[in-house]
Amino acid sequence: MPEPESHTLRLLREIRSQGEDTRKSVEGLRKDFDDLRNDTVQGFQHLGERIEHLSRLVTGESVLGRYAAANVDERLETLERRVSALEERR
């Protein structure tokens, strides 16, 4: 009878050992997935910052283009002259 008991204990030890190996593998995979998720999030944050920067550049260029196209300088000079004339009348 001692043999079957010994055989059972040996199998239980093997099962425990395999369970520990599996647990370690799962923990390693979890860490790898967490690292991948962090890298992905950082990548998307970087892309979001780049898109925001490009949007600001495009908006700035369009405002500058409108400014130049609308002869704003001439219109401002006209307004300055009119304001100066009004101030002189006081």
N, C-alpha and C. Protein backbone atom coordinates (compact mmCIF):
# COMPACT_ATOMS: atom_id res chain seq x y z
N MET A 1 0.78 -1.20 0.00
CA MET A 1 0.00 0.00 0.00
C MET A 1 0.83 1.27 0.00
N PRO A 2 2.01 1.31 0.54
CA PRO A 2 2.78 2.55 0.53
C PRO A 2 3.06 3.07 -0.88
N GLU A 3 3.16 2.19 -1.86
CA GLU A 3 3.47 2.65 -3.22
C GLU A 3 2.41 3.58 -3.78
N PRO A 4 1.10 3.25 -3.73
CA PRO A 4 0.11 4.16 -4.29
C PRO A 4 0.12 5.51 -3.59
N GLU A 5 0.32 5.54 -2.30
CA GLU A 5 0.36 6.81 -1.58
C GLU A 5 1.55 7.64 -2.05
N SER A 6 2.69 7.00 -2.21
CA SER A 6 3.87 7.69 -2.69
C SER A 6 3.66 8.21 -4.11
N HIS A 7 3.01 7.42 -4.94
CA HIS A 7 2.73 7.80 -6.31
C HIS A 7 1.80 9.04 -6.33
N THR A 8 0.80 9.05 -5.47
CA THR A 8 -0.13 10.17 -5.39
C THR A 8 0.58 11.44 -4.95
N LEU A 9 1.42 11.36 -3.96
CA LEU A 9 2.17 12.54 -3.50
C LEU A 9 3.09 13.06 -4.59
N ARG A 10 3.71 12.14 -5.31
CA ARG A 10 4.60 12.57 -6.40
C ARG A 10 3.80 13.31 -7.48
N LEU A 11 2.63 12.80 -7.83
CA LEU A 11 1.79 13.47 -8.83
C LEU A 11 1.33 14.84 -8.33
N LEU A 12 0.95 14.92 -7.08
CA LEU A 12 0.54 16.20 -6.51
C LEU A 12 1.67 17.22 -6.53
N ARG A 13 2.88 16.77 -6.25
CA ARG A 13 4.03 17.68 -6.31
C ARG A 13 4.27 18.16 -7.74
N GLU A 14 4.12 17.27 -8.70
CA GLU A 14 4.29 17.66 -10.11
C GLU A 14 3.22 18.66 -10.52
N ILE A 15 1.99 18.40 -10.09
CA ILE A 15 0.89 19.33 -10.41
C ILE A 15 1.16 20.69 -9.79
N ARG A 16 1.60 20.71 -8.55
CA ARG A 16 1.92 21.97 -7.88
C ARG A 16 3.03 22.70 -8.61
N SER A 17 4.05 21.98 -9.02
CA SER A 17 5.18 22.58 -9.74
C SER A 17 4.71 23.18 -11.07
N GLN A 18 3.88 22.44 -11.80
CA GLN A 18 3.37 22.94 -13.07
C GLN A 18 2.46 24.16 -12.84
N GLY A 19 1.70 24.13 -11.76
CA GLY A 19 0.86 25.28 -11.44
C GLY A 19 1.68 26.52 -11.16
N GLU A 20 2.78 26.37 -10.44
CA GLU A 20 3.67 27.51 -10.18
C GLU A 20 4.28 28.04 -11.47
N ASP A 21 4.71 27.11 -12.34
CA ASP A 21 5.27 27.52 -13.63
C ASP A 21 4.23 28.31 -14.45
N THR A 22 3.01 27.81 -14.44
CA THR A 22 1.94 28.49 -15.18
C THR A 22 1.67 29.86 -14.59
N ARG A 23 1.63 29.97 -13.26
CA ARG A 23 1.40 31.25 -12.60
C ARG A 23 2.49 32.25 -12.97
N LYS A 24 3.75 31.78 -12.96
CA LYS A 24 4.86 32.67 -13.32
C LYS A 24 4.74 33.12 -14.78
N SER A 25 4.33 32.21 -15.65
CA SER A 25 4.17 32.56 -17.07
C SER A 25 3.07 33.60 -17.24
N VAL A 26 1.96 33.41 -16.53
CA VAL A 26 0.84 34.35 -16.63
C VAL A 26 1.27 35.72 -16.10
N GLU A 27 2.00 35.76 -15.01
CA GLU A 27 2.47 37.04 -14.47
C GLU A 27 3.39 37.73 -15.46
N GLY A 28 4.26 36.94 -16.12
CA GLY A 28 5.14 37.52 -17.14
C GLY A 28 4.35 38.09 -18.30
N LEU A 29 3.32 37.36 -18.75
CA LEU A 29 2.46 37.85 -19.83
C LEU A 29 1.72 39.11 -19.42
N ARG A 30 1.23 39.12 -18.18
CA ARG A 30 0.53 40.30 -17.69
C ARG A 30 1.45 41.52 -17.71
N LYS A 31 2.68 41.35 -17.29
CA LYS A 31 3.65 42.45 -17.31
C LYS A 31 3.92 42.91 -18.74
N ASP A 32 4.08 41.92 -19.65
CA ASP A 32 4.31 42.28 -21.06
C ASP A 32 3.13 43.07 -21.62
N PHE A 33 1.91 42.63 -21.31
CA PHE A 33 0.73 43.35 -21.80
C PHE A 33 0.63 44.74 -21.18
N ASP A 34 0.95 44.87 -19.92
CA ASP A 34 0.94 46.19 -19.29
C ASP A 34 1.96 47.12 -19.94
N ASP A 35 3.14 46.60 -20.23
CA ASP A 35 4.17 47.40 -20.90
C ASP A 35 3.69 47.83 -22.29
N LEU A 36 3.09 46.89 -23.01
CA LEU A 36 2.58 47.19 -24.35
C LEU A 36 1.48 48.24 -24.29
N ARG A 37 0.58 48.10 -23.31
CA ARG A 37 -0.49 49.09 -23.15
C ARG A 37 0.09 50.47 -22.85
N ASN A 38 1.07 50.53 -21.95
CA ASN A 38 1.68 51.82 -21.63
C ASN A 38 2.36 52.43 -22.84
N ASP A 39 3.07 51.61 -23.61
CA ASP A 39 3.72 52.12 -24.82
C ASP A 39 2.70 52.65 -25.81
N THR A 40 1.58 51.91 -25.95
CA THR A 40 0.54 52.32 -26.89
C THR A 40 -0.10 53.64 -26.45
N VAL A 41 -0.40 53.74 -25.17
CA VAL A 41 -1.01 54.97 -24.65
C VAL A 41 -0.07 56.16 -24.85
N GLN A 42 1.21 55.97 -24.56
CA GLN A 42 2.18 57.05 -24.74
C GLN A 42 2.29 57.43 -26.21
N GLY A 43 2.24 56.43 -27.09
CA GLY A 43 2.31 56.71 -28.53
C GLY A 43 1.13 57.54 -28.99
N PHE A 44 -0.08 57.17 -28.52
CA PHE A 44 -1.26 57.93 -28.91
C PHE A 44 -1.25 59.33 -28.29
N GLN A 45 -0.73 59.48 -27.09
CA GLN A 45 -0.62 60.80 -26.49
C GLN A 45 0.32 61.66 -27.33
N HIS A 46 1.42 61.07 -27.76
CA HIS A 46 2.37 61.81 -28.60
C HIS A 46 1.71 62.22 -29.91
N LEU A 47 0.95 61.31 -30.52
CA LEU A 47 0.28 61.65 -31.77
C LEU A 47 -0.76 62.75 -31.55
N GLY A 48 -1.47 62.68 -30.42
CA GLY A 48 -2.44 63.72 -30.11
C GLY A 48 -1.78 65.08 -29.97
N GLU A 49 -0.63 65.12 -29.32
CA GLU A 49 0.10 66.38 -29.16
C GLU A 49 0.56 66.90 -30.52
N ARG A 50 1.02 66.00 -31.38
CA ARG A 50 1.47 66.42 -32.71
C ARG A 50 0.31 66.98 -33.53
N ILE A 51 -0.84 66.30 -33.46
CA ILE A 51 -2.00 66.77 -34.21
C ILE A 51 -2.45 68.13 -33.70
N GLU A 52 -2.45 68.30 -32.38
CA GLU A 52 -2.82 69.60 -31.82
C GLU A 52 -1.84 70.69 -32.27
N HIS A 53 -0.56 70.37 -32.28
CA HIS A 53 0.45 71.33 -32.72
C HIS A 53 0.23 71.69 -34.20
N LEU A 54 -0.01 70.69 -35.02
CA LEU A 54 -0.25 70.96 -36.45
C LEU A 54 -1.52 71.77 -36.64
N SER A 55 -2.54 71.50 -35.84
CA SER A 55 -3.78 72.27 -35.95
C SER A 55 -3.52 73.73 -35.63
N ARG A 56 -2.73 73.97 -34.58
CA ARG A 56 -2.40 75.36 -34.24
C ARG A 56 -1.62 76.03 -35.36
N LEU A 57 -0.69 75.29 -35.96
CA LEU A 57 0.08 75.87 -37.06
C LEU A 57 -0.82 76.21 -38.24
N VAL A 58 -1.70 75.29 -38.60
CA VAL A 58 -2.59 75.54 -39.74
C VAL A 58 -3.52 76.70 -39.45
N THR A 59 -4.06 76.77 -38.24
CA THR A 59 -4.93 77.87 -37.88
C THR A 59 -4.18 79.19 -37.93
N GLY A 60 -2.97 79.20 -37.41
CA GLY A 60 -2.16 80.41 -37.44
C GLY A 60 -1.85 80.84 -38.85
N GLU A 61 -1.53 79.90 -39.71
CA GLU A 61 -1.23 80.25 -41.10
C GLU A 61 -2.46 80.76 -41.82
N SER A 62 -3.61 80.18 -41.52
CA SER A 62 -4.81 80.66 -42.20
C SER A 62 -5.17 82.07 -41.73
N VAL A 63 -4.98 82.35 -40.45
CA VAL A 63 -5.23 83.71 -39.96
C VAL A 63 -4.25 84.68 -40.60
N LEU A 64 -3.00 84.28 -40.69
CA LEU A 64 -2.00 85.14 -41.32
C LEU A 64 -2.34 85.36 -42.79
N GLY A 65 -2.79 84.30 -43.45
CA GLY A 65 -3.17 84.44 -44.86
C GLY A 65 -4.35 85.37 -45.04
N ARG A 66 -5.34 85.25 -44.18
CA ARG A 66 -6.49 86.15 -44.25
C ARG A 66 -6.07 87.59 -43.98
N TYR A 67 -5.18 87.75 -43.02
CA TYR A 67 -4.69 89.08 -42.66
C TYR A 67 -4.03 89.72 -43.88
N ALA A 68 -3.16 88.98 -44.52
CA ALA A 68 -2.44 89.53 -45.68
C ALA A 68 -3.39 89.74 -46.86
N ALA A 69 -4.32 88.84 -47.05
CA ALA A 69 -5.20 88.92 -48.22
C ALA A 69 -6.23 90.04 -48.08
N ALA A 70 -6.57 90.40 -46.90
CA ALA A 70 -7.64 91.38 -46.70
C ALA A 70 -7.11 92.81 -46.61
N ASN A 71 -5.85 93.03 -46.92
CA ASN A 71 -5.26 94.37 -46.86
C ASN A 71 -5.51 95.01 -45.49
N VAL A 72 -5.26 94.26 -44.49
CA VAL A 72 -5.53 94.72 -43.14
C VAL A 72 -4.67 95.94 -42.80
N ASP A 73 -3.47 95.97 -43.30
CA ASP A 73 -2.59 97.10 -43.01
C ASP A 73 -3.22 98.41 -43.47
N GLU A 74 -3.75 98.40 -44.66
CA GLU A 74 -4.35 99.62 -45.19
C GLU A 74 -5.58 100.02 -44.37
N ARG A 75 -6.37 99.02 -44.01
CA ARG A 75 -7.57 99.30 -43.23
C ARG A 75 -7.20 99.83 -41.85
N LEU A 76 -6.15 99.28 -41.25
CA LEU A 76 -5.71 99.78 -39.94
C LEU A 76 -5.21 101.21 -40.03
N GLU A 77 -4.47 101.52 -41.07
CA GLU A 77 -3.97 102.88 -41.24
C GLU A 77 -5.14 103.86 -41.38
N THR A 78 -6.16 103.45 -42.13
CA THR A 78 -7.33 104.30 -42.30
C THR A 78 -8.02 104.54 -40.96
N LEU A 79 -8.17 103.49 -40.19
CA LEU A 79 -8.79 103.63 -38.87
C LEU A 79 -7.96 104.51 -37.95
N GLU A 80 -6.64 104.37 -38.01
CA GLU A 80 -5.77 105.20 -37.17
C GLU A 80 -5.91 106.67 -37.55
N ARG A 81 -6.00 106.94 -38.82
CA ARG A 81 -6.17 108.33 -39.26
C ARG A 81 -7.50 108.89 -38.78
N ARG A 82 -8.53 108.09 -38.86
CA ARG A 82 -9.85 108.55 -38.43
C ARG A 82 -9.87 108.80 -36.92
N VAL A 83 -9.22 107.91 -36.14
CA VAL A 83 -9.16 108.08 -34.70
C VAL A 83 -8.35 109.34 -34.37
N SER A 84 -7.24 109.54 -35.08
CA SER A 84 -6.43 110.73 -34.84
C SER A 84 -7.24 111.99 -35.14
N ALA A 85 -8.00 111.97 -36.23
CA ALA A 85 -8.82 113.13 -36.59
C ALA A 85 -9.86 113.39 -35.51
N LEU A 86 -10.45 112.36 -35.00
CA LEU A 86 -11.45 112.53 -33.92
C LEU A 86 -10.81 113.09 -32.65
N GLU A 87 -9.62 112.63 -32.34
CA GLU A 87 -8.92 113.12 -31.15
C GLU A 87 -8.56 114.58 -31.31
N GLU A 88 -8.21 115.02 -32.52
CA GLU A 88 -7.83 116.41 -32.75
C GLU A 88 -9.05 117.32 -32.60
N ARG A 89 -10.22 116.81 -32.91
CA ARG A 89 -11.43 117.63 -32.82
C ARG A 89 -11.80 117.92 -31.37
N ARG A 90 -11.38 117.13 -30.47
CA ARG A 90 -11.73 117.32 -29.06
C ARG A 90 -11.14 118.58 -28.59
